[in-house]
Amino acid sequence: EELRSNNGVEKTDICKNEIICSITPIGYSVSYVPFIMINKSFDIIPDFKFTGDDFDDPNYVNWRNSLSHDETFTFLFFGPVFTSLTVAIMFLIMRSYEYTKRTSVITSLLFGFGTISWAYSTTGYNVVESGFLAILAFYFYRMFRRNNSPLSLLFSGISLGFGLTVRYDFALFVVVLLVFIILEIKNKNNKVKNILCIIV
């Protein structure tokens, strides 16, 4: 007899544990852990039920009461934290191309407020985190081009690898950036060391 779990995966003899059979990528789930631990440790959002007297919006009251206080904290802070980190990395990328601070700040703010990042910053979707990891991987690639440092290449590879565990279609970005990285390695010295760093 086959049963269906909450996430739509059929429960069979092999798949009785919903955590193992989750359709959510593992990196995305792991990313929530620090936020849940922060709220468990510091009890920033306490655990109590809201009524219509607390907030004017009944949909918000229903949403808050349907989640645990740890999940509420995570969903309220996950998007803004990763979006602000993405904007900060965008600033660093602009500075690495030797734009002025003023131009870098304006461009970063336009990216943060003028693109879809702003809309997604209030959600817990994995698009926010994968956007951050894409920008971070590109930043380390840029540092590798400037400094010829294998350590930058290593961090770019880690960002790309973790991005694949957050969102499966991140592979499209990985392929494009890997082409640029391979072409860059081909033109530099220490090819073996650089290739080993990106493989790790």
C-alpha atoms as a PDB file:
ATOM      1  CA  GLU A   1       0.000   0.000   0.000  1.00  0.00           C
ATOM      2  CA  GLU A   2       1.467   3.326  -1.045  1.00  0.00           C
ATOM      3  CA  LEU A   3       0.886   6.449   0.995  1.00  0.00           C
ATOM      4  CA  ARG A   4       1.532  10.027   0.015  1.00  0.00           C
ATOM      5  CA  SER A   5       3.393  12.344   2.345  1.00  0.00           C
ATOM      6  CA  ASN A   6       2.799  16.087   2.657  1.00  0.00           C
ATOM      7  CA  ASN A   7       5.376  16.936   0.016  1.00  0.00           C
ATOM      8  CA  GLY A   8       3.861  14.680  -2.659  1.00  0.00           C
ATOM      9  CA  VAL A   9       6.515  11.960  -2.554  1.00  0.00           C
ATOM     10  CA  GLU A  10       5.183   8.441  -2.469  1.00  0.00           C
ATOM     11  CA  LYS A  11       5.980   6.575   0.711  1.00  0.00           C
ATOM     12  CA  THR A  12       7.278   3.116  -0.015  1.00  0.00           C
ATOM     13  CA  ASP A  13       9.545   0.755   1.866  1.00  0.00           C
ATOM     14  CA  ILE A  14      12.545   2.792   0.726  1.00  0.00           C
ATOM     15  CA  CYS A  15      11.019   6.199   1.405  1.00  0.00           C
ATOM     16  CA  LYS A  16       9.411   6.285   4.844  1.00  0.00           C
ATOM     17  CA  ASN A  17      11.313   9.312   6.059  1.00  0.00           C
ATOM     18  CA  GLU A  18      10.030  12.622   4.653  1.00  0.00           C
ATOM     19  CA  ILE A  19      13.359  14.353   5.281  1.00  0.00           C
ATOM     20  CA  ILE A  20      15.240  11.939   3.029  1.00  0.00           C
ATOM     21  CA  CYS A  21      12.491  12.016   0.393  1.00  0.00           C
ATOM     22  CA  SER A  22      12.005  15.780   0.382  1.00  0.00           C
ATOM     23  CA  ILE A  23      11.782  17.473  -3.003  1.00  0.00           C
ATOM     24  CA  THR A  24      13.468  20.549  -1.504  1.00  0.00           C
ATOM     25  CA  PRO A  25      17.188  20.817  -2.319  1.00  0.00           C
ATOM     26  CA  ILE A  26      19.354  20.044   0.714  1.00  0.00           C
ATOM     27  CA  GLY A  27      21.407  23.269   0.566  1.00  0.00           C
ATOM     28  CA  TYR A  28      18.237  25.342   0.719  1.00  0.00           C
ATOM     29  CA  SER A  29      17.046  23.477   3.811  1.00  0.00           C
ATOM     30  CA  VAL A  30      20.456  23.771   5.493  1.00  0.00           C
ATOM     31  CA  SER A  31      20.396  27.538   4.915  1.00  0.00           C
ATOM     32  CA  TYR A  32      17.412  27.871   7.237  1.00  0.00           C
ATOM     33  CA  VAL A  33      19.220  26.264  10.175  1.00  0.00           C
ATOM     34  CA  PRO A  34      21.150  29.363  11.367  1.00  0.00           C
ATOM     35  CA  PHE A  35      17.977  31.462  11.365  1.00  0.00           C
ATOM     36  CA  ILE A  36      16.033  28.843  13.314  1.00  0.00           C
ATOM     37  CA  MET A  37      18.906  28.488  15.802  1.00  0.00           C
ATOM     38  CA  ILE A  38      19.092  32.271  16.327  1.00  0.00           C
ATOM     39  CA  ASN A  39      15.417  32.440  17.206  1.00  0.00           C
ATOM     40  CA  LYS A  40      15.639  29.353  19.424  1.00  0.00           C
ATOM     41  CA  SER A  41      18.609  30.844  21.281  1.00  0.00           C
ATOM     42  CA  PHE A  42      17.429  34.434  21.670  1.00  0.00           C
ATOM     43  CA  ASP A  43      13.625  34.008  21.397  1.00  0.00           C
ATOM     44  CA  ILE A  44      13.329  37.095  19.189  1.00  0.00           C
ATOM     45  CA  ILE A  45       9.820  36.185  18.030  1.00  0.00           C
ATOM     46  CA  PRO A  46       7.983  34.604  20.964  1.00  0.00           C
ATOM     47  CA  ASP A  47       5.584  31.696  20.597  1.00  0.00           C
ATOM     48  CA  PHE A  48       2.006  32.903  20.967  1.00  0.00           C
ATOM     49  CA  LYS A  49      -1.139  33.023  18.841  1.00  0.00           C
ATOM     50  CA  PHE A  50      -2.382  36.242  17.289  1.00  0.00           C
ATOM     51  CA  THR A  51      -5.951  37.445  16.907  1.00  0.00           C
ATOM     52  CA  GLY A  52      -7.652  39.991  14.679  1.00  0.00           C
ATOM     53  CA  ASP A  53      -7.089  42.567  17.437  1.00  0.00           C
ATOM     54  CA  ASP A  54      -3.306  42.297  17.049  1.00  0.00           C
ATOM     55  CA  PHE A  55      -3.135  43.042  13.289  1.00  0.00           C
ATOM     56  CA  ASP A  56      -5.606  44.568  10.845  1.00  0.00           C
ATOM     57  CA  ASP A  57      -4.848  42.044   8.108  1.00  0.00           C
ATOM     58  CA  PRO A  58      -6.603  38.692   8.766  1.00  0.00           C
ATOM     59  CA  ASN A  59      -4.410  36.956   6.158  1.00  0.00           C
ATOM     60  CA  TYR A  60      -1.289  37.982   8.050  1.00  0.00           C
ATOM     61  CA  VAL A  61      -2.803  36.722  11.319  1.00  0.00           C
ATOM     62  CA  ASN A  62      -3.642  33.399   9.669  1.00  0.00           C
ATOM     63  CA  TRP A  63      -0.134  33.118   8.202  1.00  0.00           C
ATOM     64  CA  ARG A  64       1.552  33.897  11.525  1.00  0.00           C
ATOM     65  CA  ASN A  65      -0.610  31.374  13.385  1.00  0.00           C
ATOM     66  CA  SER A  66       0.021  28.628  10.808  1.00  0.00           C
ATOM     67  CA  LEU A  67       3.803  28.648  11.394  1.00  0.00           C
ATOM     68  CA  SER A  68       5.920  28.088  14.449  1.00  0.00           C
ATOM     69  CA  HIS A  69       7.660  31.160  15.847  1.00  0.00           C
ATOM     70  CA  ASP A  70      11.012  29.831  14.587  1.00  0.00           C
ATOM     71  CA  GLU A  71       9.677  29.484  11.034  1.00  0.00           C
ATOM     72  CA  THR A  72       8.164  32.967  11.213  1.00  0.00           C
ATOM     73  CA  PHE A  73      11.508  34.466  12.218  1.00  0.00           C
ATOM     74  CA  THR A  74      13.234  32.570   9.414  1.00  0.00           C
ATOM     75  CA  PHE A  75      10.796  33.722   6.739  1.00  0.00           C
ATOM     76  CA  LEU A  76      10.933  37.319   7.945  1.00  0.00           C
ATOM     77  CA  PHE A  77      14.756  37.533   7.974  1.00  0.00           C
ATOM     78  CA  PHE A  78      15.991  35.026   5.362  1.00  0.00           C
ATOM     79  CA  GLY A  79      15.216  37.139   2.278  1.00  0.00           C
ATOM     80  CA  PRO A  80      16.368  40.518   3.611  1.00  0.00           C
ATOM     81  CA  VAL A  81      19.683  39.125   4.891  1.00  0.00           C
ATOM     82  CA  PHE A  82      20.601  37.429   1.609  1.00  0.00           C
ATOM     83  CA  THR A  83      19.394  40.368  -0.495  1.00  0.00           C
ATOM     84  CA  SER A  84      21.451  42.857   1.514  1.00  0.00           C
ATOM     85  CA  LEU A  85      24.504  40.590   1.217  1.00  0.00           C
ATOM     86  CA  THR A  86      23.924  40.427  -2.549  1.00  0.00           C
ATOM     87  CA  VAL A  87      23.814  44.228  -2.772  1.00  0.00           C
ATOM     88  CA  ALA A  88      27.036  44.447  -0.728  1.00  0.00           C
ATOM     89  CA  ILE A  89      28.789  41.968  -3.036  1.00  0.00           C
ATOM     90  CA  MET A  90      27.532  43.947  -6.037  1.00  0.00           C
ATOM     91  CA  PHE A  91      29.209  47.020  -4.527  1.00  0.00           C
ATOM     92  CA  LEU A  92      32.482  45.089  -4.171  1.00  0.00           C
ATOM     93  CA  ILE A  93      32.264  43.912  -7.780  1.00  0.00           C
ATOM     94  CA  MET A  94      31.791  47.476  -8.971  1.00  0.00           C
ATOM     95  CA  ARG A  95      34.776  48.618  -6.901  1.00  0.00           C
ATOM     96  CA  SER A  96      36.882  45.786  -8.367  1.00  0.00           C
ATOM     97  CA  TYR A  97      36.256  47.310 -11.801  1.00  0.00           C
ATOM     98  CA  GLU A  98      37.605  50.571 -10.342  1.00  0.00           C
ATOM     99  CA  TYR A  99      34.386  52.551 -10.496  1.00  0.00           C
ATOM    100  CA  THR A 100      34.098  55.413  -8.021  1.00  0.00           C
ATOM    101  CA  LYS A 101      32.425  54.813  -4.678  1.00  0.00           C
ATOM    102  CA  ARG A 102      29.524  57.022  -5.737  1.00  0.00           C
ATOM    103  CA  THR A 103      28.896  55.061  -8.946  1.00  0.00           C
ATOM    104  CA  SER A 104      29.270  51.761  -7.083  1.00  0.00           C
ATOM    105  CA  VAL A 105      26.757  52.770  -4.410  1.00  0.00           C
ATOM    106  CA  ILE A 106      24.241  54.043  -6.974  1.00  0.00           C
ATOM    107  CA  THR A 107      24.563  50.895  -9.089  1.00  0.00           C
ATOM    108  CA  SER A 108      24.256  48.632  -6.047  1.00  0.00           C
ATOM    109  CA  LEU A 109      21.175  50.459  -4.804  1.00  0.00           C
ATOM    110  CA  LEU A 110      19.618  50.350  -8.272  1.00  0.00           C
ATOM    111  CA  PHE A 111      20.261  46.618  -8.293  1.00  0.00           C
ATOM    112  CA  GLY A 112      18.776  46.201  -4.831  1.00  0.00           C
ATOM    113  CA  PHE A 113      15.691  48.371  -5.287  1.00  0.00           C
ATOM    114  CA  GLY A 114      15.165  48.361  -9.049  1.00  0.00           C
ATOM    115  CA  THR A 115      15.281  44.672  -9.898  1.00  0.00           C
ATOM    116  CA  ILE A 116      13.251  41.659  -8.889  1.00  0.00           C
ATOM    117  CA  SER A 117      15.564  41.295  -5.867  1.00  0.00           C
ATOM    118  CA  TRP A 118      13.474  43.840  -4.001  1.00  0.00           C
ATOM    119  CA  ALA A 119      10.269  41.831  -4.494  1.00  0.00           C
ATOM    120  CA  TYR A 120      11.912  38.545  -3.552  1.00  0.00           C
ATOM    121  CA  SER A 121      13.697  40.032  -0.529  1.00  0.00           C
ATOM    122  CA  THR A 122      10.539  39.645   1.544  1.00  0.00           C
ATOM    123  CA  THR A 123      10.219  35.922   0.821  1.00  0.00           C
ATOM    124  CA  GLY A 124      11.926  32.739   1.869  1.00  0.00           C
ATOM    125  CA  TYR A 125      12.334  31.479  -1.701  1.00  0.00           C
ATOM    126  CA  ASN A 126      15.599  29.939  -2.797  1.00  0.00           C
ATOM    127  CA  VAL A 127      15.895  32.452  -5.663  1.00  0.00           C
ATOM    128  CA  VAL A 128      17.218  34.979  -3.155  1.00  0.00           C
ATOM    129  CA  GLU A 129      19.987  32.703  -1.946  1.00  0.00           C
ATOM    130  CA  SER A 130      20.882  31.431  -5.413  1.00  0.00           C
ATOM    131  CA  GLY A 131      21.158  35.036  -6.620  1.00  0.00           C
ATOM    132  CA  PHE A 132      23.522  35.755  -3.753  1.00  0.00           C
ATOM    133  CA  LEU A 133      25.637  32.689  -4.548  1.00  0.00           C
ATOM    134  CA  ALA A 134      25.793  33.592  -8.257  1.00  0.00           C
ATOM    135  CA  ILE A 135      26.989  37.123  -7.492  1.00  0.00           C
ATOM    136  CA  LEU A 136      29.437  35.771  -4.891  1.00  0.00           C
ATOM    137  CA  ALA A 137      30.868  33.196  -7.321  1.00  0.00           C
ATOM    138  CA  PHE A 138      31.325  35.909  -9.923  1.00  0.00           C
ATOM    139  CA  TYR A 139      32.998  38.176  -7.361  1.00  0.00           C
ATOM    140  CA  PHE A 140      35.565  35.496  -6.506  1.00  0.00           C
ATOM    141  CA  TYR A 141      36.086  34.831 -10.215  1.00  0.00           C
ATOM    142  CA  ARG A 142      36.749  38.538 -10.646  1.00  0.00           C
ATOM    143  CA  MET A 143      39.253  38.455  -7.749  1.00  0.00           C
ATOM    144  CA  PHE A 144      40.947  35.468  -9.391  1.00  0.00           C
ATOM    145  CA  ARG A 145      41.315  37.446 -12.626  1.00  0.00           C
ATOM    146  CA  ARG A 146      42.788  40.427 -10.798  1.00  0.00           C
ATOM    147  CA  ASN A 147      45.084  38.686  -8.296  1.00  0.00           C
ATOM    148  CA  ASN A 148      45.677  35.265  -9.864  1.00  0.00           C
ATOM    149  CA  SER A 149      44.958  33.769  -6.438  1.00  0.00           C
ATOM    150  CA  PRO A 150      43.974  30.089  -6.340  1.00  0.00           C
ATOM    151  CA  LEU A 151      42.175  30.812  -3.051  1.00  0.00           C
ATOM    152  CA  SER A 152      39.716  33.068  -4.898  1.00  0.00           C
ATOM    153  CA  LEU A 153      39.152  30.283  -7.389  1.00  0.00           C
ATOM    154  CA  LEU A 154      38.512  27.872  -4.529  1.00  0.00           C
ATOM    155  CA  PHE A 155      35.863  30.158  -3.008  1.00  0.00           C
ATOM    156  CA  SER A 156      34.262  30.648  -6.422  1.00  0.00           C
ATOM    157  CA  GLY A 157      34.028  26.876  -6.777  1.00  0.00           C
ATOM    158  CA  ILE A 158      32.540  26.504  -3.301  1.00  0.00           C
ATOM    159  CA  SER A 159      29.927  29.145  -4.120  1.00  0.00           C
ATOM    160  CA  LEU A 160      29.060  27.380  -7.374  1.00  0.00           C
ATOM    161  CA  GLY A 161      28.887  23.978  -5.674  1.00  0.00           C
ATOM    162  CA  PHE A 162      26.676  25.174  -2.847  1.00  0.00           C
ATOM    163  CA  GLY A 163      24.508  26.992  -5.389  1.00  0.00           C
ATOM    164  CA  LEU A 164      23.794  23.648  -7.031  1.00  0.00           C
ATOM    165  CA  THR A 165      22.601  22.252  -3.710  1.00  0.00           C
ATOM    166  CA  VAL A 166      20.302  25.271  -3.214  1.00  0.00           C
ATOM    167  CA  ARG A 167      18.642  25.289  -6.612  1.00  0.00           C
ATOM    168  CA  TYR A 168      19.045  22.678  -9.328  1.00  0.00           C
ATOM    169  CA  ASP A 169      18.678  25.050 -12.279  1.00  0.00           C
ATOM    170  CA  PHE A 170      21.699  26.930 -10.913  1.00  0.00           C
ATOM    171  CA  ALA A 171      23.613  24.520 -13.167  1.00  0.00           C
ATOM    172  CA  LEU A 172      22.927  26.891 -16.081  1.00  0.00           C
ATOM    173  CA  PHE A 173      24.945  29.625 -14.374  1.00  0.00           C
ATOM    174  CA  VAL A 174      27.629  27.145 -13.303  1.00  0.00           C
ATOM    175  CA  VAL A 175      28.221  26.031 -16.902  1.00  0.00           C
ATOM    176  CA  VAL A 176      28.577  29.612 -18.150  1.00  0.00           C
ATOM    177  CA  LEU A 177      30.957  30.684 -15.375  1.00  0.00           C
ATOM    178  CA  LEU A 178      32.995  27.483 -15.671  1.00  0.00           C
ATOM    179  CA  VAL A 179      33.603  28.237 -19.357  1.00  0.00           C
ATOM    180  CA  PHE A 180      35.045  31.626 -18.381  1.00  0.00           C
ATOM    181  CA  ILE A 181      37.079  30.098 -15.553  1.00  0.00           C
ATOM    182  CA  ILE A 182      38.549  27.398 -17.813  1.00  0.00           C
ATOM    183  CA  LEU A 183      39.456  29.972 -20.456  1.00  0.00           C
ATOM    184  CA  GLU A 184      41.093  32.111 -17.771  1.00  0.00           C
ATOM    185  CA  ILE A 185      43.035  29.148 -16.328  1.00  0.00           C
ATOM    186  CA  LYS A 186      44.234  28.261 -19.818  1.00  0.00           C
ATOM    187  CA  ASN A 187      45.890  31.678 -20.136  1.00  0.00           C
ATOM    188  CA  LYS A 188      47.553  31.730 -16.687  1.00  0.00           C
ATOM    189  CA  ASN A 189      50.518  30.059 -15.030  1.00  0.00           C
ATOM    190  CA  ASN A 190      50.061  27.431 -12.286  1.00  0.00           C
ATOM    191  CA  LYS A 191      47.407  25.631 -14.329  1.00  0.00           C
ATOM    192  CA  VAL A 192      47.491  22.472 -12.213  1.00  0.00           C
ATOM    193  CA  LYS A 193      47.068  24.347  -8.933  1.00  0.00           C
ATOM    194  CA  ASN A 194      44.180  26.408 -10.349  1.00  0.00           C
ATOM    195  CA  ILE A 195      42.425  23.362 -11.784  1.00  0.00           C
ATOM    196  CA  LEU A 196      42.722  21.556  -8.450  1.00  0.00           C
ATOM    197  CA  CYS A 197      41.216  24.553  -6.637  1.00  0.00           C
ATOM    198  CA  ILE A 198      38.159  24.690  -8.884  1.00  0.00           C
ATOM    199  CA  ILE A 199      37.681  20.895  -8.676  1.00  0.00           C
ATOM    200  CA  VAL A 200      37.756  20.986  -4.876  1.00  0.00           C
END
